[in-house]
């Protein structure tokens, strides 16, 4: 065979896997279905922050494992959690050794790809941290005599006596290549409406904002399942945020600013003026709840001037106040709730009733008695009493799916009996079993790149 390992997908997880494999003396090739020099993928759009559940990677390993367990309500596989908690700092040093610059922005942003993008609104990615990191990793791989085959889409996998054969669709036809080991690193299935619908992410995926590169269509997951791989639980969960609804028509409104903090401080209502979820659980949870509604484009955040001018409106690095307004986003404002209701097409008594019930629960400490129940943590419930009052139409935005292929802590793809499938590995966002759980717990997308290091090292030990 010409190669020791074939990597499917040239995002950051795929390129880290390929470079580490080449470092270890393995003959590696990367299949990338896009043809452009700066092919689009989630990695190129990434904000560039490596973290574990919004916690810096210098935190002790056991504490990080606990963070993962709490965030996912015990859903995350223990070996995967241990792998990323243990190897996070090692990955940061490895990236630095590859010539990739990381900066410390404080808080959980202790390792951020440089130069960071933290100003203004809209979609800006060219020549910022993630884009530069991909360029550097590609150049390093080529210096190590590795090959990236652009315009090569993996369509099917077949187990053969000495490895895995891949059917590859290329501009000049379909070809077959094989290797003892294959690493799937082509991301989730966020750009595949049929899979989103079938997995329970949303009954109307076309009404979700595609806050992603638009290229991850679940090929890797589909091919792995075809070889008997087990899918993770929580396939209906995704990582995403809330945006002004005008983002459905314009990139001026995504990926920044997000409106999560406004929603978590106030209330979110559907087209009938009803609350439908616990806003205290935050923007990722609310995004998932909106996606499951019959009409994901019928929701609105209700808040007041104290929230708009306070920390929920202004404390983010790229805050909704003033960026939503500067980007020309829709924001209804009125001196009374009755007047606000008229602007969003609700009966005045309906909006006054739902806000009144909410305010009473905040005052009396009875948020759990609301229907649906509302918490006061991790996001504080703010009263909605200070005029003027605001209503912002929003949309749920999907960045990447959380469910995927089940792998162990050494990146080996597992079957339904929890046994490794010979020669098959996975890394990055195609990996399931880390994010998710009952509350769509988010561990951190970029941190799954650590599984790429492990994939290469596991293959090297086997060779």
Protein backbone atom coordinates (compact mmCIF):
# COMPACT_ATOMS: atom_id res chain seq x y z
CA UNK A 1 0.00 0.00 0.00
CA UNK A 2 1.17 3.52 -0.77
CA UNK A 3 0.05 4.96 2.58
CA UNK A 4 0.11 3.91 6.22
CA UNK A 5 -2.84 6.11 7.13
CA UNK A 6 -5.53 8.00 5.24
CA UNK A 7 -7.18 10.97 6.96
CA UNK A 8 -10.62 12.09 5.77
CA UNK A 9 -11.06 15.85 6.21
CA UNK A 10 -8.56 18.73 6.27
CA UNK A 11 -9.94 20.73 9.19
CA UNK A 12 -7.79 21.33 12.22
CA UNK A 13 -8.35 17.82 13.66
CA UNK A 14 -7.46 16.20 10.35
CA UNK A 15 -4.32 18.30 9.82
CA UNK A 16 -3.12 17.79 13.39
CA UNK A 17 -3.60 14.03 12.93
CA UNK A 18 -1.75 14.09 9.62
CA UNK A 19 1.20 16.10 10.91
CA UNK A 20 1.56 14.00 14.04
CA UNK A 21 1.43 10.84 11.93
CA UNK A 22 4.14 12.20 9.64
CA UNK A 23 6.27 13.15 12.65
CA UNK A 24 6.06 9.54 13.78
CA UNK A 25 7.28 8.27 10.41
CA UNK A 26 3.93 7.23 8.97
CA UNK A 27 3.14 7.80 5.29
CA UNK A 28 -0.01 9.90 5.46
CA UNK A 29 -2.46 11.40 2.98
CA UNK A 30 -5.42 13.69 3.60
CA UNK A 31 -8.61 13.60 1.53
CA UNK A 32 -10.33 16.98 1.28
CA UNK A 33 -13.50 17.22 -0.80
CA UNK A 34 -13.21 20.97 -1.43
CA UNK A 35 -10.96 22.31 -4.16
CA UNK A 36 -10.34 25.91 -3.06
CA UNK A 37 -6.98 26.96 -1.63
CA UNK A 38 -8.78 28.27 1.47
CA UNK A 39 -11.46 25.59 1.51
CA UNK A 40 -14.32 26.42 3.87
CA UNK A 41 -14.88 24.35 6.98
CA UNK A 42 -15.85 24.98 10.59
CA UNK A 43 -12.19 25.12 11.61
CA UNK A 44 -11.54 28.11 9.35
CA UNK A 45 -14.48 30.00 10.88
CA UNK A 46 -13.53 29.08 14.46
CA UNK A 47 -13.27 31.73 17.17
CA UNK A 48 -10.06 29.96 18.11
CA UNK A 49 -10.45 29.36 21.85
CA UNK A 50 -9.23 26.05 23.26
CA UNK A 51 -11.07 25.35 26.50
CA UNK A 52 -12.91 22.64 28.40
CA UNK A 53 -16.39 23.70 29.52
CA UNK A 54 -15.31 27.36 29.59
CA UNK A 55 -12.33 26.50 31.79
CA UNK A 56 -8.66 27.12 31.02
CA UNK A 57 -6.51 24.13 30.11
CA UNK A 58 -4.02 24.80 32.91
CA UNK A 59 -6.64 23.61 35.40
CA UNK A 60 -5.71 20.28 37.07
CA UNK A 61 -6.69 17.22 35.04
CA UNK A 62 -9.06 15.78 37.66
CA UNK A 63 -10.87 19.12 37.97
CA UNK A 64 -11.33 19.26 34.20
CA UNK A 65 -12.78 15.75 34.20
CA UNK A 66 -15.24 16.86 36.87
CA UNK A 67 -16.16 19.91 34.79
CA UNK A 68 -16.96 17.65 31.83
CA UNK A 69 -19.00 15.30 33.98
CA UNK A 70 -21.03 18.16 35.46
CA UNK A 71 -21.59 19.90 32.11
CA UNK A 72 -22.92 16.70 30.51
CA UNK A 73 -24.75 15.32 33.59
CA UNK A 74 -22.52 12.23 33.48
CA UNK A 75 -23.12 11.62 29.78
CA UNK A 76 -19.52 11.98 28.55
CA UNK A 77 -17.42 8.84 28.21
CA UNK A 78 -14.90 8.75 31.03
CA UNK A 79 -12.00 7.73 28.78
CA UNK A 80 -12.71 10.55 26.31
CA UNK A 81 -13.05 13.06 29.13
CA UNK A 82 -9.74 11.91 30.60
CA UNK A 83 -8.05 12.07 27.20
CA UNK A 84 -8.90 15.72 26.51
CA UNK A 85 -8.30 16.76 30.14
CA UNK A 86 -4.91 15.09 30.13
CA UNK A 87 -3.74 16.15 26.68
CA UNK A 88 -5.09 19.69 26.41
CA UNK A 89 -1.89 21.33 27.59
CA UNK A 90 0.19 18.94 25.51
CA UNK A 91 -1.79 19.93 22.41
CA UNK A 92 -1.14 23.62 23.13
CA UNK A 93 2.62 23.00 23.32
CA UNK A 94 2.49 20.87 20.19
CA UNK A 95 0.74 23.66 18.28
CA UNK A 96 3.33 26.18 19.45
CA UNK A 97 6.10 23.84 18.31
CA UNK A 98 4.39 23.81 14.90
CA UNK A 99 4.79 27.58 14.72
CA UNK A 100 1.20 28.41 15.62
CA UNK A 101 0.86 31.42 17.89
CA UNK A 102 -1.50 31.33 20.88
CA UNK A 103 -2.39 34.32 23.05
CA UNK A 104 -3.87 34.63 26.52
CA UNK A 105 -7.02 36.77 26.61
CA UNK A 106 -7.81 35.96 30.25
CA UNK A 107 -10.67 34.01 31.77
CA UNK A 108 -11.14 30.69 30.00
CA UNK A 109 -9.43 32.17 26.91
CA UNK A 110 -5.92 31.32 28.04
CA UNK A 111 -5.14 29.62 24.72
CA UNK A 112 -6.54 31.50 21.72
CA UNK A 113 -5.32 31.23 18.14
CA UNK A 114 -3.58 34.44 17.09
CA UNK A 115 -4.37 36.98 15.83
CA UNK A 116 -7.74 36.79 17.60
CA UNK A 117 -10.85 38.35 16.16
CA UNK A 118 -12.74 40.15 18.92
CA UNK A 119 -14.07 43.39 17.43
CA UNK A 120 -17.05 44.43 15.37
CA UNK A 121 -19.86 42.31 13.99
CA UNK A 122 -20.40 39.86 11.17
CA UNK A 123 -18.39 37.05 9.59
CA UNK A 124 -14.67 37.83 9.52
CA UNK A 125 -12.21 34.96 9.23
CA UNK A 126 -9.56 35.58 6.58
CA UNK A 127 -6.05 35.91 8.01
CA UNK A 128 -7.23 35.56 11.59
CA UNK A 129 -6.09 32.86 14.01
CA UNK A 130 -7.93 29.78 12.76
CA UNK A 131 -7.32 30.53 9.08
CA UNK A 132 -3.61 31.08 9.70
CA UNK A 133 -3.38 27.89 11.80
CA UNK A 134 -4.81 25.80 8.95
CA UNK A 135 -2.40 27.39 6.47
CA UNK A 136 0.56 26.65 8.75
CA UNK A 137 -0.49 23.06 9.41
CA UNK A 138 -0.97 22.41 5.70
CA UNK A 139 2.48 23.85 4.90
CA UNK A 140 4.10 21.78 7.66
CA UNK A 141 2.47 18.61 6.40
CA UNK A 142 3.71 19.20 2.88
CA UNK A 143 7.25 19.79 4.22
CA UNK A 144 6.96 16.38 5.84
CA UNK A 145 6.22 14.89 2.41
CA UNK A 146 2.54 14.48 3.18
CA UNK A 147 -0.12 14.91 0.50
CA UNK A 148 -3.48 16.66 0.59
CA UNK A 149 -5.72 15.48 -2.22
CA UNK A 150 -8.21 18.28 -2.89
CA UNK A 151 -11.43 17.52 -4.71
CA UNK A 152 -11.45 14.04 -3.15
CA UNK A 153 -14.66 13.07 -1.38
CA UNK A 154 -14.71 9.77 0.50
CA UNK A 155 -17.98 8.00 -0.28
CA UNK A 156 -17.70 4.45 1.12
CA UNK A 157 -15.48 2.34 3.36
CA UNK A 158 -14.85 -1.39 3.02
CA UNK A 159 -12.90 -3.62 5.39
CA UNK A 160 -10.26 -5.65 3.53
CA UNK A 161 -7.87 -8.28 4.81
CA UNK A 162 -5.05 -5.85 5.54
CA UNK A 163 -6.80 -2.56 6.18
CA UNK A 164 -9.60 -0.37 4.84
CA UNK A 165 -10.44 0.51 1.27
CA UNK A 166 -11.99 3.90 0.50
CA UNK A 167 -14.11 4.73 -2.51
CA UNK A 168 -13.14 8.28 -3.45
CA UNK A 169 -15.05 10.58 -5.77
CA UNK A 170 -12.69 12.84 -7.71
CA UNK A 171 -13.20 15.24 -10.64
CA UNK A 172 -12.04 12.61 -13.14
CA UNK A 173 -14.08 9.76 -11.70
CA UNK A 174 -14.34 7.36 -8.80
CA UNK A 175 -11.16 5.69 -7.52
CA UNK A 176 -10.28 3.34 -4.71
CA UNK A 177 -7.38 3.71 -2.32
CA UNK A 178 -6.53 1.72 0.79
CA UNK A 179 -4.36 1.78 3.88
CA UNK A 180 -3.97 -0.20 7.09
CA UNK A 181 -5.54 2.69 9.01
CA UNK A 182 -8.15 5.37 8.29
CA UNK A 183 -8.98 8.40 10.46
CA UNK A 184 -12.36 10.06 9.97
CA UNK A 185 -12.10 13.78 10.73
CA UNK A 186 -14.70 15.37 8.47
CA UNK A 187 -16.79 17.00 11.20
CA UNK A 188 -20.43 16.51 12.14
CA UNK A 189 -23.59 16.55 10.03
CA UNK A 190 -24.76 20.11 10.63
CA UNK A 191 -24.96 20.84 6.88
CA UNK A 192 -27.18 17.85 6.12
CA UNK A 193 -30.88 18.78 6.58
CA UNK A 194 -32.08 15.21 6.19
CA UNK A 195 -29.77 13.92 8.93
CA UNK A 196 -30.70 16.83 11.18
CA UNK A 197 -34.36 15.96 10.75
CA UNK A 198 -33.88 12.21 11.19
CA UNK A 199 -31.72 12.58 14.29
CA UNK A 200 -34.27 14.78 16.02
CA UNK A 201 -32.25 18.01 15.96
CA UNK A 202 -35.16 19.85 14.36
CA UNK A 203 -38.35 19.14 12.44
CA UNK A 204 -37.53 22.19 10.31
CA UNK A 205 -33.73 22.40 9.86
CA UNK A 206 -34.16 24.86 7.01
CA UNK A 207 -35.32 27.35 9.65
CA UNK A 208 -32.05 27.15 11.59
CA UNK A 209 -29.20 29.55 10.89
CA UNK A 210 -26.26 27.65 9.38
CA UNK A 211 -23.59 29.13 11.61
CA UNK A 212 -20.93 26.91 10.10
CA UNK A 213 -18.78 26.28 7.06
CA UNK A 214 -21.61 24.50 5.26
CA UNK A 215 -19.42 21.53 4.31
CA UNK A 216 -19.91 18.93 7.06
CA UNK A 217 -22.67 16.66 5.74
CA UNK A 218 -22.05 13.55 7.84
CA UNK A 219 -20.17 11.45 5.28
CA UNK A 220 -17.79 10.12 7.92
CA UNK A 221 -20.57 9.20 10.33
CA UNK A 222 -22.55 7.50 7.56
CA UNK A 223 -19.54 5.49 6.38
CA UNK A 224 -18.57 4.46 9.90
CA UNK A 225 -22.11 3.29 10.64
CA UNK A 226 -21.89 1.23 7.46
CA UNK A 227 -18.94 -0.64 8.96
CA UNK A 228 -20.85 -1.37 12.15
CA UNK A 229 -19.70 1.58 14.24
CA UNK A 230 -21.91 2.63 17.14
CA UNK A 231 -23.45 6.10 17.12
CA UNK A 232 -23.26 8.05 20.35
CA UNK A 233 -26.32 8.96 22.35
CA UNK A 234 -27.62 12.50 22.19
CA UNK A 235 -27.63 12.68 18.41
CA UNK A 236 -30.30 15.39 18.67
CA UNK A 237 -27.99 17.86 20.44
CA UNK A 238 -25.90 20.54 18.79
CA UNK A 239 -23.59 23.37 19.72
CA UNK A 240 -24.93 26.74 18.63
CA UNK A 241 -26.03 30.19 19.72
CA UNK A 242 -28.86 32.68 19.46
CA UNK A 243 -28.75 35.51 16.95
CA UNK A 244 -30.91 38.37 15.84
CA UNK A 245 -33.29 36.87 13.28
CA UNK A 246 -31.91 39.13 10.55
CA UNK A 247 -28.92 36.78 10.55
CA UNK A 248 -31.02 34.46 8.38
CA UNK A 249 -30.51 36.97 5.56
CA UNK A 250 -27.16 38.60 6.32
CA UNK A 251 -23.70 37.60 7.58
CA UNK A 252 -23.55 40.99 9.30
CA UNK A 253 -25.34 39.35 12.22
CA UNK A 254 -23.30 36.16 12.70
CA UNK A 255 -21.19 34.64 14.16
CA UNK A 256 -21.04 37.76 16.32
CA UNK A 257 -22.79 39.25 18.17
CA UNK A 258 -24.66 36.45 19.93
CA UNK A 259 -27.76 37.26 21.97
CA UNK A 260 -27.45 34.40 24.47
CA UNK A 261 -26.95 36.59 27.52
CA UNK A 262 -30.05 38.66 26.79
CA UNK A 263 -32.13 35.50 26.48
CA UNK A 264 -30.70 34.00 29.65
CA UNK A 265 -31.42 37.14 31.67
CA UNK A 266 -34.96 37.78 30.39
CA UNK A 267 -37.52 35.45 28.85
CA UNK A 268 -37.91 33.80 25.46
CA UNK A 269 -41.41 33.36 24.03
CA UNK A 270 -42.85 31.57 21.02
CA UNK A 271 -45.23 32.99 18.44
CA UNK A 272 -48.16 32.52 20.86
CA UNK A 273 -46.43 34.46 23.63
CA UNK A 274 -45.61 31.35 25.68
CA UNK A 275 -42.36 30.55 27.43
CA UNK A 276 -41.23 27.08 26.40
CA UNK A 277 -37.92 26.35 28.13
CA UNK A 278 -35.66 27.16 31.10
CA UNK A 279 -33.75 30.25 30.02
CA UNK A 280 -31.32 29.92 32.95
CA UNK A 281 -29.58 27.01 31.20
CA UNK A 282 -28.07 29.38 28.65
CA UNK A 283 -27.89 30.01 24.96
CA UNK A 284 -26.76 26.57 23.79
CA UNK A 285 -29.65 24.92 25.62
CA UNK A 286 -32.17 27.53 24.42
CA UNK A 287 -30.93 27.09 20.83
CA UNK A 288 -31.62 23.36 21.05
CA UNK A 289 -35.06 24.00 22.54
CA UNK A 290 -35.94 26.45 19.75
CA UNK A 291 -34.74 24.03 17.07
CA UNK A 292 -37.23 21.43 18.29
CA UNK A 293 -40.22 23.75 18.00
CA UNK A 294 -42.58 23.31 15.02
CA UNK A 295 -41.54 26.82 13.91
CA UNK A 296 -37.98 27.67 14.99
CA UNK A 297 -38.36 31.14 13.47
CA UNK A 298 -41.18 32.21 15.76
CA UNK A 299 -39.28 33.11 18.93
CA UNK A 300 -38.54 36.45 20.58
CA UNK A 301 -36.51 37.63 23.57
CA UNK A 302 -38.32 39.99 25.96
CA UNK A 303 -36.16 42.14 28.24
CA UNK A 304 -35.96 45.61 29.73
CA UNK A 305 -33.60 48.57 29.82
CA UNK A 306 -31.72 47.31 32.88
CA UNK A 307 -30.84 44.10 31.05
CA UNK A 308 -29.97 45.93 27.80
CA UNK A 309 -27.67 48.41 29.53
CA UNK A 310 -26.39 45.93 32.12
CA UNK A 311 -23.96 42.99 31.96
CA UNK A 312 -26.22 40.79 29.79
CA UNK A 313 -26.29 43.46 27.11
CA UNK A 314 -22.76 44.80 27.32
CA UNK A 315 -20.32 42.41 29.01
CA UNK A 316 -19.41 40.17 26.06
CA UNK A 317 -16.25 40.99 24.09
CA UNK A 318 -18.57 41.63 21.12
CA UNK A 319 -21.81 42.56 22.91
CA UNK A 320 -25.32 42.74 21.48
CA UNK A 321 -25.50 46.29 22.82
CA UNK A 322 -24.54 48.13 20.66
CA UNK A 323 -23.52 45.70 17.88
CA UNK A 324 -27.02 44.43 17.02
CA UNK A 325 -28.13 48.01 16.42
CA UNK A 326 -24.94 48.96 14.59
CA UNK A 327 -25.43 45.98 12.25
CA UNK A 328 -28.99 47.13 11.54
CA UNK A 329 -30.70 44.28 13.40
CA UNK A 330 -34.38 44.38 14.30
CA UNK A 331 -34.99 45.55 17.87
CA UNK A 332 -38.46 46.62 18.99
CA UNK A 333 -38.65 49.19 21.78
CA UNK A 334 -41.63 50.64 23.67
CA UNK A 335 -42.36 52.47 26.89
CA UNK A 336 -45.04 49.98 27.93
CA UNK A 337 -45.51 46.23 27.56
CA UNK A 338 -48.84 46.86 25.84
CA UNK A 339 -47.17 48.96 23.17
CA UNK A 340 -44.39 46.40 22.82
CA UNK A 341 -46.95 43.62 22.34
CA UNK A 342 -48.52 45.52 19.45
CA UNK A 343 -45.14 45.73 17.72
CA UNK A 344 -44.65 41.95 17.79
CA UNK A 345 -48.24 40.99 17.00
CA UNK A 346 -49.33 39.81 20.44
CA UNK A 347 -52.42 40.73 22.42
CA UNK A 348 -51.36 43.26 25.10
CA UNK A 349 -52.89 41.18 27.91
CA UNK A 350 -50.95 38.09 26.81
CA UNK A 351 -47.53 39.74 27.04
CA UNK A 352 -48.44 41.52 30.30
CA UNK A 353 -49.57 38.22 31.79
CA UNK A 354 -46.44 36.22 30.94
CA UNK A 355 -44.10 39.03 32.07
CA UNK A 356 -46.14 39.60 35.22
CA UNK A 357 -46.00 35.91 36.19
CA UNK A 358 -42.29 35.89 35.58
CA UNK A 359 -41.62 39.07 37.60
CA UNK A 360 -43.67 37.73 40.51
CA UNK A 361 -41.67 34.49 40.51
CA UNK A 362 -38.40 36.46 40.51
CA UNK A 363 -39.55 38.58 43.46
CA UNK A 364 -40.90 35.68 45.51
CA UNK A 365 -38.16 33.19 44.67
CA UNK A 366 -40.64 30.78 43.07
CA UNK A 367 -39.08 30.44 39.63
CA UNK A 368 -39.30 26.65 39.84
CA UNK A 369 -43.09 26.92 40.04
CA UNK A 370 -43.34 28.59 36.65
CA UNK A 371 -44.51 26.53 33.70
CA UNK A 372 -42.04 25.61 32.38
CA UNK A 373 -39.85 25.88 35.48
CA UNK A 374 -37.10 28.48 35.43
CA UNK A 375 -33.83 28.31 37.33
CA UNK A 376 -31.71 31.15 38.68
CA UNK A 377 -28.39 29.47 37.86
CA UNK A 378 -26.07 29.30 36.08
CA UNK A 379 -27.71 32.39 34.59
CA UNK A 380 -29.47 34.86 36.89
CA UNK A 381 -33.10 35.74 36.23
CA UNK A 382 -33.49 39.50 35.91
CA UNK A 383 -36.86 41.20 36.50
CA UNK A 384 -38.41 42.90 33.46
CA UNK A 385 -39.61 46.15 35.01
CA UNK A 386 -37.50 49.06 33.82
CA UNK A 387 -38.85 50.96 30.81
CA UNK A 388 -38.25 51.08 27.96
CA UNK A 389 -38.99 47.43 27.17
CA UNK A 390 -37.48 45.50 24.29
CA UNK A 391 -38.39 42.61 22.01
CA UNK A 392 -35.79 41.04 19.74
CA UNK A 393 -36.82 38.42 17.15
CA UNK A 394 -34.21 35.68 17.16
CA UNK A 395 -33.14 32.50 15.41
CA UNK A 396 -31.33 29.40 16.61
CA UNK A 397 -27.94 28.93 14.97
CA UNK A 398 -26.24 25.57 14.56
CA UNK A 399 -22.44 25.42 14.48
CA UNK A 400 -21.83 21.70 14.88
CA UNK A 401 -23.66 18.59 15.96
CA UNK A 402 -22.68 16.95 19.25
CA UNK A 403 -23.57 13.36 18.44
CA UNK A 404 -21.30 11.24 16.30
CA UNK A 405 -19.11 8.16 16.12
CA UNK A 406 -18.31 6.41 19.39
CA UNK A 407 -14.55 6.23 20.00
CA UNK A 408 -12.47 5.30 23.00
CA UNK A 409 -9.74 7.36 24.64
CA UNK A 410 -7.24 6.17 22.02
CA UNK A 411 -9.42 7.39 19.12
CA UNK A 412 -10.41 3.86 18.04
CA UNK A 413 -13.90 3.63 16.53
CA UNK A 414 -16.04 1.21 18.52
CA UNK A 415 -18.83 -1.14 17.47
CA UNK A 416 -22.07 -1.87 19.32
CA UNK A 417 -20.19 -4.27 21.61
CA UNK A 418 -17.73 -1.52 22.56
CA UNK A 419 -15.00 -3.30 20.59
CA UNK A 420 -12.60 -1.50 18.21
CA UNK A 421 -13.17 -1.82 14.47
CA UNK A 422 -9.79 -2.81 13.06
CA UNK A 423 -7.96 0.09 11.43
CA UNK A 424 -10.71 2.68 11.93
CA UNK A 425 -10.22 5.86 13.99
CA UNK A 426 -11.92 9.24 14.36
CA UNK A 427 -11.02 12.71 15.60
CA UNK A 428 -12.51 16.18 15.94
CA UNK A 429 -16.20 17.00 15.73
CA UNK A 430 -17.12 13.69 14.11
CA UNK A 431 -16.49 12.15 17.52
CA UNK A 432 -19.53 11.60 19.72
CA UNK A 433 -19.75 10.77 23.39
CA UNK A 434 -18.08 13.88 24.79
CA UNK A 435 -20.52 16.80 24.34
CA UNK A 436 -24.23 16.41 24.92
CA UNK A 437 -26.30 14.77 27.61
CA UNK A 438 -29.66 15.75 29.10
CA UNK A 439 -28.86 19.47 28.99
CA UNK A 440 -26.83 19.59 25.75
CA UNK A 441 -23.67 20.15 27.77
CA UNK A 442 -20.89 21.82 25.81
CA UNK A 443 -17.33 20.69 26.47
CA UNK A 444 -15.54 22.53 23.66
CA UNK A 445 -15.28 21.89 19.94
CA UNK A 446 -11.61 22.65 19.28
CA UNK A 447 -10.45 20.57 22.24
CA UNK A 448 -11.49 17.43 20.34
CA UNK A 449 -8.38 18.05 18.24
CA UNK A 450 -6.51 16.27 21.03
CA UNK A 451 -8.10 13.05 19.81
CA UNK A 452 -6.20 13.59 16.55
CA UNK A 453 -2.89 13.43 18.37
CA UNK A 454 -4.01 10.22 20.02
CA UNK A 455 -5.19 8.71 16.74
CA UNK A 456 -1.78 9.20 15.13
CA UNK A 457 0.03 7.88 18.18
CA UNK A 458 -2.21 4.82 18.48
CA UNK A 459 -1.66 4.00 14.81
CA UNK A 460 2.09 4.48 15.20
CA UNK A 461 2.23 2.03 18.12
CA UNK A 462 0.32 -0.54 16.07
CA UNK A 463 2.56 -0.17 13.01
